Every structure is written in C-alpha cells, then in structure tokens.
Amino acid sequence: MERLSVLKNIITILKKKDIKLSKILIQKVIFFIKELYPNHGFGYRFEMYKYGPYSHELSSDLDILKIQGEIDIKGNEILINNDNDVIDNDRLTSFVANTLLPLFKDNDDFNNIELLGTVLYCIKALQENGLKLNKESVIQEVKGWKGTKYDDTVIGKAYNRVINLVDSGWLLVDS
C-alpha cells in the first residue's frame, strides 16, 4: 500500500474510533508508528520541534490529501471528506487500533499529545545514545526540551503511559 493510502487509512481508523483528529495527533501517531513499528514508518523523518516530534514530509502528505479532496484541514482540525472503509487486513491496522488508540483515546488534548510524543522522542534518544533509561532520566530529558512547561508529576504520568507499551513488547527499557 502506498504511503498516502496508508496515511489515509490511519486517519480513517482514528475517525472511526471517535478520536478527535488534529494535525498534532496525526504527527504523533505516525511518529509512534515509526519508532515502535519500524517496518511501517513510511520513510518519514522526524525532528524535535516546538510541539514535540515533527515531520515536514508528513505535513506535505497531509497537504496532498487535502488537495486530492480526501481530507479538509480547518486550523489544527482534520476532517475526512470520503469516509472509506478501513483496510484492516494487516498488522499495522491492528497495532494502531489496539496499541496506539488506548494511549491517545483519553489523552487527546493538545498538551497531552505533545507530551506523549516528546516522552517517546526522549526515550528513543536515551536508548540510541546508550544512556540509562528510567523515569527520572526521561523526566530530565523532557525538561531539557520543554523547560518548566510540564512538572515532574505530569511528565512521570506520560512516561508511565508510554512505557506501558513495553508490556506489549514494543520498547526495550533498562531495569
């Protein structure tokens, strides 16, 4: 399935599960897919940006879907114009529906989405640099990016939500 079709499919899955669609949510869901389900990263490159991990290529693909009439973008909100059936015969659909949706379902406000993406970005950065990975190290890394925007308790709660993916085998963490 080509990248735009997969992206549209993911947006449709989110809509059908009553997730409020926004540009930041799509950015973070695709970032989670790239980092936790690498065979389906679509080739998007992410960098840390003002509101967490961001991909310019993904933003361009959303614009293409808009030009094609598949979606409409009103401010930060994304609307689907053609409510197609979900192509659900692959593991990616299952991963999005069963693993990512519970993470974002009750945490779909802008700040929570930003923080969840930033926490995963920091976890991956610590792993890639061979540094100790635990709640305290992630809190310090997030604060390095976000300053005092989030207190330790809020970051710790976001860490716990992201790290719960360990139980499904998606991340490796130092004990």
C-alpha atoms as a PDB file:
ATOM      1  CA  MET A   1       0.000   0.000   0.000  1.00  0.00           C
ATOM      2  CA  GLU A   2       1.455   3.379  -0.929  1.00  0.00           C
ATOM      3  CA  ARG A   3       2.316   5.935   1.737  1.00  0.00           C
ATOM      4  CA  LEU A   4      -0.665   8.262   1.119  1.00  0.00           C
ATOM      5  CA  SER A   5      -3.093   5.334   1.170  1.00  0.00           C
ATOM      6  CA  VAL A   6      -1.652   4.075   4.453  1.00  0.00           C
ATOM      7  CA  LEU A   7      -1.828   7.581   5.921  1.00  0.00           C
ATOM      8  CA  LYS A   8      -5.469   7.952   4.830  1.00  0.00           C
ATOM      9  CA  ASN A   9      -6.223   4.516   6.277  1.00  0.00           C
ATOM     10  CA  ILE A  10      -4.739   5.502   9.648  1.00  0.00           C
ATOM     11  CA  ILE A  11      -6.717   8.758   9.674  1.00  0.00           C
ATOM     12  CA  THR A  12      -9.877   6.770   8.896  1.00  0.00           C
ATOM     13  CA  ILE A  13      -9.152   4.287  11.708  1.00  0.00           C
ATOM     14  CA  LEU A  14      -8.786   7.163  14.161  1.00  0.00           C
ATOM     15  CA  LYS A  15     -12.018   8.784  12.988  1.00  0.00           C
ATOM     16  CA  LYS A  16     -13.989   5.537  13.211  1.00  0.00           C
ATOM     17  CA  LYS A  17     -12.790   5.132  16.806  1.00  0.00           C
ATOM     18  CA  ASP A  18     -14.068   8.636  17.684  1.00  0.00           C
ATOM     19  CA  ILE A  19     -10.635  10.147  18.134  1.00  0.00           C
ATOM     20  CA  LYS A  20     -10.621  13.919  17.615  1.00  0.00           C
ATOM     21  CA  LEU A  21      -8.459  14.363  14.529  1.00  0.00           C
ATOM     22  CA  SER A  22      -5.839  17.093  14.566  1.00  0.00           C
ATOM     23  CA  LYS A  23      -2.554  17.762  12.819  1.00  0.00           C
ATOM     24  CA  ILE A  24      -0.599  17.280  16.052  1.00  0.00           C
ATOM     25  CA  LEU A  25      -2.352  13.961  16.740  1.00  0.00           C
ATOM     26  CA  ILE A  26      -1.529  12.647  13.260  1.00  0.00           C
ATOM     27  CA  GLN A  27       2.092  13.804  13.647  1.00  0.00           C
ATOM     28  CA  LYS A  28       2.428  11.964  16.961  1.00  0.00           C
ATOM     29  CA  VAL A  29       0.578   8.785  15.897  1.00  0.00           C
ATOM     30  CA  ILE A  30       2.805   8.466  12.822  1.00  0.00           C
ATOM     31  CA  PHE A  31       5.866   9.176  14.995  1.00  0.00           C
ATOM     32  CA  PHE A  32       4.819   6.383  17.368  1.00  0.00           C
ATOM     33  CA  ILE A  33       4.347   4.050  14.397  1.00  0.00           C
ATOM     34  CA  LYS A  34       7.782   4.973  13.021  1.00  0.00           C
ATOM     35  CA  GLU A  35       9.510   4.373  16.350  1.00  0.00           C
ATOM     36  CA  LEU A  36       7.569   1.375  17.632  1.00  0.00           C
ATOM     37  CA  TYR A  37       6.613  -0.386  14.406  1.00  0.00           C
ATOM     38  CA  PRO A  38       9.603   0.396  12.179  1.00  0.00           C
ATOM     39  CA  ASN A  39       8.560  -1.656   9.161  1.00  0.00           C
ATOM     40  CA  HIS A  40       5.728   0.821   8.667  1.00  0.00           C
ATOM     41  CA  GLY A  41       7.477   4.137   9.248  1.00  0.00           C
ATOM     42  CA  PHE A  42       6.641   5.309   5.709  1.00  0.00           C
ATOM     43  CA  GLY A  43      10.076   6.899   5.430  1.00  0.00           C
ATOM     44  CA  TYR A  44       9.063   9.988   7.386  1.00  0.00           C
ATOM     45  CA  ARG A  45      11.899  11.801   9.128  1.00  0.00           C
ATOM     46  CA  PHE A  46      11.099  13.485  12.429  1.00  0.00           C
ATOM     47  CA  GLU A  47      12.948  16.165  14.311  1.00  0.00           C
ATOM     48  CA  MET A  48      12.212  17.810  17.642  1.00  0.00           C
ATOM     49  CA  TYR A  49      10.107  20.878  17.064  1.00  0.00           C
ATOM     50  CA  LYS A  50       8.197  23.357  19.205  1.00  0.00           C
ATOM     51  CA  TYR A  51       5.376  20.878  19.951  1.00  0.00           C
ATOM     52  CA  GLY A  52       7.373  17.646  20.008  1.00  0.00           C
ATOM     53  CA  PRO A  53       8.470  15.378  17.155  1.00  0.00           C
ATOM     54  CA  TYR A  54       7.510  16.794  13.743  1.00  0.00           C
ATOM     55  CA  SER A  55       7.864  15.633  10.145  1.00  0.00           C
ATOM     56  CA  HIS A  56       7.852  18.111   7.270  1.00  0.00           C
ATOM     57  CA  GLU A  57       7.202  15.220   4.826  1.00  0.00           C
ATOM     58  CA  LEU A  58       4.123  14.177   6.786  1.00  0.00           C
ATOM     59  CA  SER A  59       2.844  17.737   6.774  1.00  0.00           C
ATOM     60  CA  SER A  60       3.320  17.817   2.991  1.00  0.00           C
ATOM     61  CA  ASP A  61       1.454  14.499   2.620  1.00  0.00           C
ATOM     62  CA  LEU A  62      -1.464  15.916   4.614  1.00  0.00           C
ATOM     63  CA  ASP A  63      -1.484  18.878   2.215  1.00  0.00           C
ATOM     64  CA  ILE A  64      -1.539  16.460  -0.735  1.00  0.00           C
ATOM     65  CA  LEU A  65      -4.501  14.585   0.778  1.00  0.00           C
ATOM     66  CA  LYS A  66      -6.223  17.956   1.153  1.00  0.00           C
ATOM     67  CA  ILE A  67      -5.526  18.900  -2.479  1.00  0.00           C
ATOM     68  CA  GLN A  68      -6.853  15.487  -3.574  1.00  0.00           C
ATOM     69  CA  GLY A  69     -10.068  16.192  -1.646  1.00  0.00           C
ATOM     70  CA  GLU A  70      -9.558  13.278   0.747  1.00  0.00           C
ATOM     71  CA  ILE A  71      -9.352  15.463   3.860  1.00  0.00           C
ATOM     72  CA  ASP A  72     -10.013  19.045   4.838  1.00  0.00           C
ATOM     73  CA  ILE A  73      -7.874  20.973   7.312  1.00  0.00           C
ATOM     74  CA  LYS A  74      -9.550  23.674   9.407  1.00  0.00           C
ATOM     75  CA  GLY A  75      -6.931  25.241  11.661  1.00  0.00           C
ATOM     76  CA  ASN A  76      -5.494  22.270  13.553  1.00  0.00           C
ATOM     77  CA  GLU A  77      -8.533  20.025  12.938  1.00  0.00           C
ATOM     78  CA  ILE A  78      -8.607  17.369  10.211  1.00  0.00           C
ATOM     79  CA  LEU A  79     -11.891  16.335   8.599  1.00  0.00           C
ATOM     80  CA  ILE A  80     -12.303  13.299   6.352  1.00  0.00           C
ATOM     81  CA  ASN A  81     -14.266  14.009   3.167  1.00  0.00           C
ATOM     82  CA  ASN A  82     -14.552  10.428   1.891  1.00  0.00           C
ATOM     83  CA  ASP A  83     -15.403   8.062   4.719  1.00  0.00           C
ATOM     84  CA  ASN A  84     -13.907   4.939   3.161  1.00  0.00           C
ATOM     85  CA  ASP A  85     -13.801   1.531   4.769  1.00  0.00           C
ATOM     86  CA  VAL A  86     -10.670   0.725   6.694  1.00  0.00           C
ATOM     87  CA  ILE A  87      -8.322  -1.724   5.054  1.00  0.00           C
ATOM     88  CA  ASP A  88      -7.881  -3.880   8.106  1.00  0.00           C
ATOM     89  CA  ASN A  89      -6.132  -6.972   6.823  1.00  0.00           C
ATOM     90  CA  ASP A  90      -2.701  -6.088   8.092  1.00  0.00           C
ATOM     91  CA  ARG A  91      -0.819  -5.900  11.377  1.00  0.00           C
ATOM     92  CA  LEU A  92      -0.427  -2.124  11.134  1.00  0.00           C
ATOM     93  CA  THR A  93      -4.184  -1.610  11.452  1.00  0.00           C
ATOM     94  CA  SER A  94      -4.197  -3.885  14.492  1.00  0.00           C
ATOM     95  CA  PHE A  95      -1.226  -2.026  16.007  1.00  0.00           C
ATOM     96  CA  VAL A  96      -2.932   1.358  15.565  1.00  0.00           C
ATOM     97  CA  ALA A  97      -6.323   0.180  16.828  1.00  0.00           C
ATOM     98  CA  ASN A  98      -5.175  -1.979  19.730  1.00  0.00           C
ATOM     99  CA  THR A  99      -1.911  -0.376  20.882  1.00  0.00           C
ATOM    100  CA  LEU A 100      -1.893   3.305  19.957  1.00  0.00           C
ATOM    101  CA  LEU A 101      -5.569   4.177  20.339  1.00  0.00           C
ATOM    102  CA  PRO A 102      -5.665   3.345  24.054  1.00  0.00           C
ATOM    103  CA  LEU A 103      -2.656   5.626  24.531  1.00  0.00           C
ATOM    104  CA  PHE A 104      -4.312   8.625  22.849  1.00  0.00           C
ATOM    105  CA  LYS A 105      -8.016   7.914  23.473  1.00  0.00           C
ATOM    106  CA  ASP A 106      -8.259   9.671  26.838  1.00  0.00           C
ATOM    107  CA  ASN A 107      -5.254  11.919  26.300  1.00  0.00           C
ATOM    108  CA  ASP A 108      -6.303  13.754  23.166  1.00  0.00           C
ATOM    109  CA  ASP A 109      -5.846  17.370  24.223  1.00  0.00           C
ATOM    110  CA  PHE A 110      -3.026  19.309  22.596  1.00  0.00           C
ATOM    111  CA  ASN A 111      -0.644  19.373  25.573  1.00  0.00           C
ATOM    112  CA  ASN A 112      -1.030  15.669  26.358  1.00  0.00           C
ATOM    113  CA  ILE A 113      -0.405  14.735  22.726  1.00  0.00           C
ATOM    114  CA  GLU A 114       2.673  16.984  22.628  1.00  0.00           C
ATOM    115  CA  LEU A 115       3.983  15.486  25.863  1.00  0.00           C
ATOM    116  CA  LEU A 116       3.401  11.841  24.850  1.00  0.00           C
ATOM    117  CA  GLY A 117       5.353  12.429  21.624  1.00  0.00           C
ATOM    118  CA  THR A 118       8.142  14.238  23.457  1.00  0.00           C
ATOM    119  CA  VAL A 119       8.419  11.453  26.047  1.00  0.00           C
ATOM    120  CA  LEU A 120       8.820   8.815  23.325  1.00  0.00           C
ATOM    121  CA  TYR A 121      11.338  11.016  21.492  1.00  0.00           C
ATOM    122  CA  CYS A 122      13.379  11.305  24.710  1.00  0.00           C
ATOM    123  CA  ILE A 123      13.144   7.562  25.426  1.00  0.00           C
ATOM    124  CA  LYS A 124      14.454   6.777  21.947  1.00  0.00           C
ATOM    125  CA  ALA A 125      17.209   9.418  22.249  1.00  0.00           C
ATOM    126  CA  LEU A 126      18.387   7.940  25.545  1.00  0.00           C
ATOM    127  CA  GLN A 127      18.350   4.425  24.048  1.00  0.00           C
ATOM    128  CA  GLU A 128      20.211   5.456  20.903  1.00  0.00           C
ATOM    129  CA  ASN A 129      22.905   7.174  22.954  1.00  0.00           C
ATOM    130  CA  GLY A 130      23.338   4.211  25.301  1.00  0.00           C
ATOM    131  CA  LEU A 131      22.281   6.243  28.334  1.00  0.00           C
ATOM    132  CA  LYS A 132      20.418   4.956  31.381  1.00  0.00           C
ATOM    133  CA  LEU A 133      16.704   4.785  30.671  1.00  0.00           C
ATOM    134  CA  ASN A 134      14.331   5.185  33.588  1.00  0.00           C
ATOM    135  CA  LYS A 135      11.596   7.573  34.666  1.00  0.00           C
ATOM    136  CA  GLU A 136      13.991  10.087  36.214  1.00  0.00           C
ATOM    137  CA  SER A 137      16.269  10.225  33.159  1.00  0.00           C
ATOM    138  CA  VAL A 138      13.284  10.722  30.851  1.00  0.00           C
ATOM    139  CA  ILE A 139      11.879  13.474  33.076  1.00  0.00           C
ATOM    140  CA  GLN A 140      15.216  15.294  32.921  1.00  0.00           C
ATOM    141  CA  GLU A 141      15.453  14.835  29.145  1.00  0.00           C
ATOM    142  CA  VAL A 142      11.908  16.169  28.619  1.00  0.00           C
ATOM    143  CA  LYS A 143      12.680  19.150  30.837  1.00  0.00           C
ATOM    144  CA  GLY A 144      15.758  19.778  28.699  1.00  0.00           C
ATOM    145  CA  TRP A 145      13.438  20.212  25.715  1.00  0.00           C
ATOM    146  CA  LYS A 146      10.378  21.733  27.371  1.00  0.00           C
ATOM    147  CA  GLY A 147      11.807  23.636  30.334  1.00  0.00           C
ATOM    148  CA  THR A 148       9.209  24.191  33.032  1.00  0.00           C
ATOM    149  CA  LYS A 149       6.158  23.732  30.791  1.00  0.00           C
ATOM    150  CA  TYR A 150       5.379  20.381  32.467  1.00  0.00           C
ATOM    151  CA  ASP A 151       6.056  19.453  36.074  1.00  0.00           C
ATOM    152  CA  ASP A 152       7.708  16.179  37.081  1.00  0.00           C
ATOM    153  CA  THR A 153       4.412  14.526  38.051  1.00  0.00           C
ATOM    154  CA  VAL A 154       2.795  15.212  34.675  1.00  0.00           C
ATOM    155  CA  ILE A 155       5.881  14.023  32.798  1.00  0.00           C
ATOM    156  CA  GLY A 156       6.015  10.930  35.021  1.00  0.00           C
ATOM    157  CA  LYS A 157       2.384  10.081  34.211  1.00  0.00           C
ATOM    158  CA  ALA A 158       3.077  10.462  30.477  1.00  0.00           C
ATOM    159  CA  TYR A 159       6.166   8.288  30.873  1.00  0.00           C
ATOM    160  CA  ASN A 160       4.076   5.589  32.557  1.00  0.00           C
ATOM    161  CA  ARG A 161       1.555   5.616  29.700  1.00  0.00           C
ATOM    162  CA  VAL A 162       4.268   5.351  27.045  1.00  0.00           C
ATOM    163  CA  ILE A 163       6.335   2.807  28.929  1.00  0.00           C
ATOM    164  CA  ASN A 164       3.265   0.560  29.259  1.00  0.00           C
ATOM    165  CA  LEU A 165       3.921  -0.269  25.620  1.00  0.00           C
ATOM    166  CA  VAL A 166       6.874  -2.254  26.975  1.00  0.00           C
ATOM    167  CA  ASP A 167       4.358  -4.805  28.175  1.00  0.00           C
ATOM    168  CA  SER A 168       3.282  -5.362  24.599  1.00  0.00           C
ATOM    169  CA  GLY A 169       6.904  -5.772  23.530  1.00  0.00           C
ATOM    170  CA  TRP A 170       7.310  -2.515  21.633  1.00  0.00           C
ATOM    171  CA  LEU A 171      10.112  -0.895  23.643  1.00  0.00           C
ATOM    172  CA  LEU A 172      13.196  -2.099  25.495  1.00  0.00           C
ATOM    173  CA  VAL A 173      13.942  -0.429  28.810  1.00  0.00           C
ATOM    174  CA  ASP A 174      16.807  -0.727  31.291  1.00  0.00           C
ATOM    175  CA  SER A 175      15.693  -2.252  34.574  1.00  0.00           C
END
